[in-house]
Amino acid sequence: MLSRRQKHILLKFFSLFSVVRGYNILVVVIAQYLASIYIFAHDKPLKEVLFDVNLLMLVLASSATIAAGYIINNFYDSEKDLINRPRKTMLDRLVSQNTKLSFYFVLNFLAVVFASYVSFKAVLFFALYIFAIWLYSHRFKKQPMTGNLVSAILAVTPFFVIFIYYQNFELVIFAHAIFLFLLISMRELTKDLENIKGDLALNYKTVPVVHGERTSKIMLTVLALLTIISGIVLVLFFKIGHMYYFFYLSIVLLFLFLFILWKSNKKTHYLILHNILKFIIVVGVFSILLIDVSVVLNRL
């Protein structure tokens, strides 16, 4: 049996894990390594990629920066989250704001330390990344369109740093990046629809608040069709191995998304749509394995 103090410490740990969204960071780490092995450095031996210390430092710097970003985002959105996510917010509030801010500065410092192992340019990159996340949480998030665009760019930045590191400029990488960027843009706009109650209460100028739900649905429809087209382009014009199964599944789910979207008028409906997009993104990460399993086995 755990003592009362041990239970309290455990609850605080889960609270902090909830704030930094540790499960999301784990998915990003896996995605960075799989993308490195199969896409960015597919011509290098597997061991060379897996045991590349520079890559490890970039992944750790990305993880620390993302975790810090979630903390500062939670700090600025605490009142809004109390309306939109009351249960999660009650768990998050087990850790004080001062403790969260302390972890925020520690994580950003660690990110810079990890980046410094790679190069001074990496330090500058992550310093700009940290500042951009703070600026988004402090200002851009409350602005329609700009907030969605900046959020989507920040979400794909951890992959951009790996792209710069390997300097692989193959066209297929840009095709994958466009598909991911469009998916994340859809997710951000869907989240705005899901959280419209809290945004209205606290005067956040999101797209649904400023332009209404119908305009937001039209924008989501355009984004969904563009995502479907980018998926079709990847299947027809690029060598993606058995990953085409994922894109076929994505296209079916995106049509389902559009069907549900135009019948949605409640928070629970938008939550379902959000979960469909999250499912596509997570499945997409692991479907990278389908590009060519034999190549990886041969690279051992």
Protein backbone atom coordinates (compact mmCIF):
# COMPACT_ATOMS: atom_id res chain seq x y z
CA MET A 1 0.00 0.00 0.00
CA LEU A 2 1.20 3.48 -0.87
CA SER A 3 1.40 6.07 1.87
CA ARG A 4 -0.57 9.32 1.61
CA ARG A 5 2.60 11.22 0.69
CA GLN A 6 3.51 8.68 -2.00
CA LYS A 7 0.00 8.92 -3.48
CA HIS A 8 0.28 12.71 -3.51
CA ILE A 9 3.65 12.56 -5.32
CA LEU A 10 2.24 10.05 -7.81
CA LEU A 11 -0.75 12.28 -8.50
CA LYS A 12 1.55 15.26 -9.08
CA PHE A 13 3.63 13.16 -11.50
CA PHE A 14 0.52 12.22 -13.49
CA SER A 15 -0.57 15.86 -13.39
CA LEU A 16 2.73 17.04 -14.87
CA PHE A 17 2.64 14.19 -17.41
CA SER A 18 -0.84 15.41 -18.39
CA VAL A 19 0.37 19.01 -18.74
CA VAL A 20 3.33 18.10 -21.00
CA ARG A 21 1.24 15.47 -22.82
CA GLY A 22 3.90 12.82 -22.53
CA TYR A 23 2.01 10.43 -24.82
CA ASN A 24 2.16 13.01 -27.67
CA ILE A 25 5.90 13.50 -27.15
CA LEU A 26 6.47 9.74 -27.28
CA VAL A 27 4.65 9.58 -30.64
CA VAL A 28 6.78 12.47 -31.97
CA VAL A 29 10.01 10.70 -30.88
CA ILE A 30 8.94 7.48 -32.61
CA ALA A 31 7.92 9.48 -35.70
CA GLN A 32 11.28 11.29 -35.83
CA TYR A 33 13.23 8.02 -35.70
CA LEU A 34 11.01 6.20 -38.19
CA ALA A 35 11.14 9.16 -40.58
CA SER A 36 14.93 9.25 -40.24
CA ILE A 37 15.28 5.52 -40.97
CA TYR A 38 12.79 5.24 -43.81
CA ILE A 39 12.66 8.68 -45.41
CA PHE A 40 15.39 11.17 -44.48
CA ALA A 41 18.33 8.73 -44.30
CA HIS A 42 17.01 5.67 -46.13
CA ASP A 43 20.38 5.20 -47.86
CA LYS A 44 22.37 4.92 -44.60
CA PRO A 45 22.96 1.73 -42.56
CA LEU A 46 20.31 1.22 -39.87
CA LYS A 47 22.82 1.14 -37.01
CA GLU A 48 24.38 4.38 -38.18
CA VAL A 49 21.00 6.11 -37.90
CA LEU A 50 19.90 4.48 -34.64
CA PHE A 51 23.20 5.14 -32.86
CA ASP A 52 23.77 8.62 -34.27
CA VAL A 53 24.37 10.74 -31.16
CA ASN A 54 23.67 13.97 -33.04
CA LEU A 55 20.25 12.65 -34.05
CA LEU A 56 19.57 11.60 -30.46
CA MET A 57 20.45 15.10 -29.22
CA LEU A 58 18.14 16.69 -31.81
CA VAL A 59 15.31 14.36 -30.77
CA LEU A 60 15.89 15.12 -27.07
CA ALA A 61 16.04 18.87 -27.79
CA SER A 62 12.78 18.58 -29.74
CA SER A 63 11.11 16.63 -26.92
CA ALA A 64 12.22 19.14 -24.26
CA THR A 65 11.04 22.09 -26.39
CA ILE A 66 7.67 20.49 -27.13
CA ALA A 67 7.15 19.65 -23.44
CA ALA A 68 8.02 23.24 -22.48
CA GLY A 69 5.62 24.44 -25.18
CA TYR A 70 2.77 22.43 -23.71
CA ILE A 71 3.52 23.92 -20.28
CA ILE A 72 3.47 27.56 -21.46
CA ASN A 73 0.36 26.83 -23.53
CA ASN A 74 -1.30 25.35 -20.43
CA PHE A 75 -0.24 28.40 -18.42
CA TYR A 76 -1.90 30.88 -20.80
CA ASP A 77 -4.99 28.71 -21.43
CA SER A 78 -5.74 27.70 -17.83
CA GLU A 79 -9.03 29.66 -17.65
CA LYS A 80 -10.20 28.56 -21.10
CA ASP A 81 -9.36 24.91 -20.37
CA LEU A 82 -11.43 25.08 -17.18
CA ILE A 83 -14.46 25.65 -19.45
CA ASN A 84 -13.52 23.30 -22.31
CA ARG A 85 -11.78 20.50 -20.38
CA PRO A 86 -12.82 20.74 -16.71
CA ARG A 87 -11.73 17.22 -15.71
CA LYS A 88 -8.29 17.44 -17.30
CA THR A 89 -7.82 20.94 -15.88
CA MET A 90 -8.54 19.73 -12.34
CA LEU A 91 -5.76 17.13 -12.75
CA ASP A 92 -3.41 19.71 -14.27
CA ARG A 93 -3.98 22.07 -11.34
CA LEU A 94 -2.48 19.59 -8.86
CA VAL A 95 0.84 21.17 -9.91
CA SER A 96 1.12 24.89 -9.10
CA GLN A 97 1.68 27.52 -11.80
CA ASN A 98 5.06 28.39 -10.24
CA THR A 99 6.19 24.76 -10.46
CA LYS A 100 5.05 24.57 -14.07
CA LEU A 101 6.98 27.72 -14.97
CA SER A 102 10.09 26.34 -13.23
CA PHE A 103 9.84 23.18 -15.34
CA TYR A 104 9.27 25.37 -18.42
CA PHE A 105 12.60 27.17 -17.97
CA VAL A 106 14.45 23.96 -17.04
CA LEU A 107 13.16 22.14 -20.14
CA ASN A 108 14.08 25.03 -22.45
CA PHE A 109 17.56 25.15 -20.90
CA LEU A 110 17.96 21.39 -21.46
CA ALA A 111 16.82 21.81 -25.07
CA VAL A 112 19.59 24.35 -25.68
CA VAL A 113 22.14 22.10 -23.93
CA PHE A 114 21.17 19.13 -26.12
CA ALA A 115 21.29 21.30 -29.26
CA SER A 116 24.72 22.67 -28.30
CA TYR A 117 26.16 19.15 -28.64
CA VAL A 118 25.26 19.19 -32.36
CA SER A 119 26.26 22.71 -33.42
CA PHE A 120 25.82 26.42 -32.76
CA LYS A 121 23.35 26.55 -35.66
CA ALA A 122 21.24 23.95 -33.83
CA VAL A 123 21.28 26.17 -30.73
CA LEU A 124 20.04 29.13 -32.79
CA PHE A 125 17.36 26.95 -34.40
CA PHE A 126 15.97 25.77 -31.06
CA ALA A 127 16.26 29.24 -29.51
CA LEU A 128 14.03 30.52 -32.35
CA TYR A 129 11.72 27.51 -31.97
CA ILE A 130 11.32 28.18 -28.22
CA PHE A 131 10.61 31.87 -28.85
CA ALA A 132 8.11 31.05 -31.61
CA ILE A 133 6.18 28.69 -29.31
CA TRP A 134 6.04 31.36 -26.59
CA LEU A 135 4.91 34.00 -29.10
CA TYR A 136 2.21 31.66 -30.41
CA SER A 137 0.88 30.92 -26.90
CA HIS A 138 1.07 34.56 -25.84
CA ARG A 139 -0.30 36.29 -28.95
CA PHE A 140 -0.92 34.36 -32.17
CA LYS A 141 -3.18 31.70 -30.66
CA LYS A 142 -5.93 34.27 -30.14
CA GLN A 143 -5.87 35.40 -33.77
CA PRO A 144 -7.98 33.78 -36.53
CA MET A 145 -6.11 32.04 -39.35
CA THR A 146 -2.70 33.25 -38.13
CA GLY A 147 -2.98 31.12 -35.00
CA ASN A 148 -3.96 28.01 -36.99
CA LEU A 149 -1.17 28.51 -39.53
CA VAL A 150 1.53 29.14 -36.89
CA SER A 151 0.36 26.15 -34.82
CA ALA A 152 0.58 23.82 -37.84
CA ILE A 153 4.08 25.12 -38.70
CA LEU A 154 5.26 24.62 -35.10
CA ALA A 155 3.84 21.08 -35.10
CA VAL A 156 5.93 20.01 -38.12
CA THR A 157 9.10 21.84 -36.97
CA PRO A 158 10.54 18.76 -35.14
CA PHE A 159 10.63 17.00 -38.51
CA PHE A 160 12.05 20.06 -40.23
CA VAL A 161 15.12 20.00 -37.97
CA ILE A 162 15.77 16.34 -38.93
CA PHE A 163 15.28 17.28 -42.58
CA ILE A 164 17.91 20.03 -42.25
CA TYR A 165 20.29 17.66 -40.43
CA TYR A 166 20.24 15.02 -43.17
CA GLN A 167 19.89 17.56 -46.03
CA ASN A 168 17.82 15.14 -48.09
CA PHE A 169 15.90 17.17 -50.66
CA GLU A 170 14.01 14.35 -52.41
CA LEU A 171 10.58 15.36 -53.69
CA VAL A 172 8.82 12.58 -51.76
CA ILE A 173 9.80 14.27 -48.48
CA PHE A 174 7.99 17.46 -49.49
CA ALA A 175 4.96 15.39 -50.55
CA HIS A 176 4.81 13.71 -47.12
CA ALA A 177 5.31 17.10 -45.43
CA ILE A 178 2.39 18.66 -47.33
CA PHE A 179 0.09 15.77 -46.38
CA LEU A 180 1.07 16.06 -42.70
CA PHE A 181 0.79 19.87 -42.70
CA LEU A 182 -2.72 19.74 -44.16
CA LEU A 183 -3.80 17.10 -41.62
CA ILE A 184 -2.49 19.16 -38.72
CA SER A 185 -4.16 22.29 -40.11
CA MET A 186 -7.44 20.36 -40.16
CA ARG A 187 -6.90 19.23 -36.58
CA GLU A 188 -6.24 22.79 -35.38
CA LEU A 189 -9.41 24.14 -36.98
CA THR A 190 -11.44 21.20 -35.64
CA LYS A 191 -10.08 21.93 -32.15
CA ASP A 192 -11.28 25.52 -32.53
CA LEU A 193 -14.79 24.25 -33.30
CA GLU A 194 -14.59 21.85 -30.35
CA ASN A 195 -13.45 24.62 -27.96
CA ILE A 196 -15.70 27.42 -29.23
CA LYS A 197 -17.48 27.79 -25.87
CA GLY A 198 -14.30 28.64 -23.96
CA ASP A 199 -12.97 30.80 -26.81
CA LEU A 200 -16.16 32.87 -26.82
CA ALA A 201 -16.09 33.28 -23.04
CA LEU A 202 -12.50 34.52 -23.01
CA ASN A 203 -12.64 36.52 -26.25
CA TYR A 204 -10.26 34.34 -28.29
CA LYS A 205 -10.56 35.48 -31.92
CA THR A 206 -10.52 32.04 -33.54
CA VAL A 207 -11.99 31.30 -36.97
CA PRO A 208 -15.29 29.84 -35.62
CA VAL A 209 -15.71 32.80 -33.22
CA VAL A 210 -15.01 35.47 -35.86
CA HIS A 211 -16.42 33.88 -39.03
CA GLY A 212 -18.89 31.32 -37.66
CA GLU A 213 -19.23 27.54 -37.77
CA ARG A 214 -20.41 27.36 -41.39
CA THR A 215 -17.34 29.19 -42.72
CA SER A 216 -15.12 26.97 -40.56
CA LYS A 217 -16.80 23.88 -42.03
CA ILE A 218 -16.25 25.18 -45.57
CA MET A 219 -12.57 25.76 -44.77
CA LEU A 220 -12.30 22.27 -43.28
CA THR A 221 -13.91 20.81 -46.40
CA VAL A 222 -11.36 22.54 -48.63
CA LEU A 223 -8.50 21.36 -46.40
CA ALA A 224 -9.88 17.79 -46.38
CA LEU A 225 -10.14 17.72 -50.19
CA LEU A 226 -6.59 19.06 -50.52
CA THR A 227 -5.39 16.39 -48.07
CA ILE A 228 -7.17 13.68 -50.08
CA ILE A 229 -5.57 14.98 -53.30
CA SER A 230 -2.10 15.00 -51.68
CA GLY A 231 -2.66 11.42 -50.51
CA ILE A 232 -3.67 10.34 -54.02
CA VAL A 233 -0.57 12.07 -55.46
CA LEU A 234 1.67 10.18 -52.99
CA VAL A 235 0.10 6.84 -54.01
CA LEU A 236 0.22 7.46 -57.76
CA PHE A 237 3.53 9.24 -58.26
CA PHE A 238 5.91 8.17 -55.48
CA LYS A 239 7.48 4.94 -54.28
CA ILE A 240 5.94 4.45 -50.84
CA GLY A 241 5.91 0.64 -50.66
CA HIS A 242 2.94 -0.81 -48.77
CA MET A 243 2.26 2.54 -47.13
CA TYR A 244 -0.40 3.02 -49.81
CA TYR A 245 -2.69 0.99 -47.48
CA PHE A 246 -2.46 3.86 -45.00
CA PHE A 247 -3.32 6.48 -47.61
CA TYR A 248 -6.32 4.46 -48.84
CA LEU A 249 -7.52 4.21 -45.23
CA SER A 250 -6.90 7.94 -44.72
CA ILE A 251 -8.93 8.86 -47.80
CA VAL A 252 -11.88 6.74 -46.60
CA LEU A 253 -11.67 8.27 -43.10
CA LEU A 254 -11.45 11.80 -44.52
CA PHE A 255 -14.65 11.26 -46.52
CA LEU A 256 -16.25 9.94 -43.33
CA PHE A 257 -14.91 13.07 -41.59
CA LEU A 258 -16.65 15.29 -44.17
CA PHE A 259 -19.92 13.38 -43.83
CA ILE A 260 -19.93 13.79 -40.03
CA LEU A 261 -18.67 17.39 -40.23
CA TRP A 262 -21.74 18.71 -42.05
CA LYS A 263 -24.05 16.99 -39.55
CA SER A 264 -22.13 18.26 -36.51
CA ASN A 265 -23.53 20.91 -34.17
CA LYS A 266 -22.32 19.80 -30.72
CA LYS A 267 -18.99 19.61 -28.90
CA THR A 268 -19.22 15.79 -28.81
CA HIS A 269 -19.53 15.71 -32.61
CA TYR A 270 -16.40 17.84 -33.02
CA LEU A 271 -14.61 15.64 -30.49
CA ILE A 272 -15.32 12.63 -32.72
CA LEU A 273 -13.94 14.53 -35.72
CA HIS A 274 -10.84 15.51 -33.73
CA ASN A 275 -10.29 11.87 -32.73
CA ILE A 276 -10.59 10.73 -36.37
CA LEU A 277 -7.77 13.12 -37.32
CA LYS A 278 -5.64 12.07 -34.33
CA PHE A 279 -6.16 8.41 -35.33
CA ILE A 280 -5.00 9.12 -38.90
CA ILE A 281 -1.88 10.94 -37.64
CA VAL A 282 -0.90 8.21 -35.13
CA VAL A 283 -1.55 5.38 -37.60
CA GLY A 284 0.44 7.36 -40.17
CA VAL A 285 3.47 7.41 -37.87
CA PHE A 286 3.55 3.62 -37.52
CA SER A 287 2.62 3.02 -41.17
CA ILE A 288 6.04 4.46 -42.10
CA LEU A 289 7.19 0.90 -41.32
CA LEU A 290 5.27 -0.25 -44.40
CA ILE A 291 7.43 1.75 -46.82
CA ASP A 292 9.89 -1.14 -47.19
CA VAL A 293 10.46 -3.65 -44.39
CA SER A 294 13.02 -5.59 -46.47
CA VAL A 295 15.25 -2.52 -46.81
CA VAL A 296 15.49 -2.18 -43.03
CA LEU A 297 16.21 -5.89 -42.59
CA ASN A 298 18.97 -5.65 -45.19
CA ARG A 299 20.45 -2.62 -43.42
CA LEU A 300 20.92 -4.46 -40.12
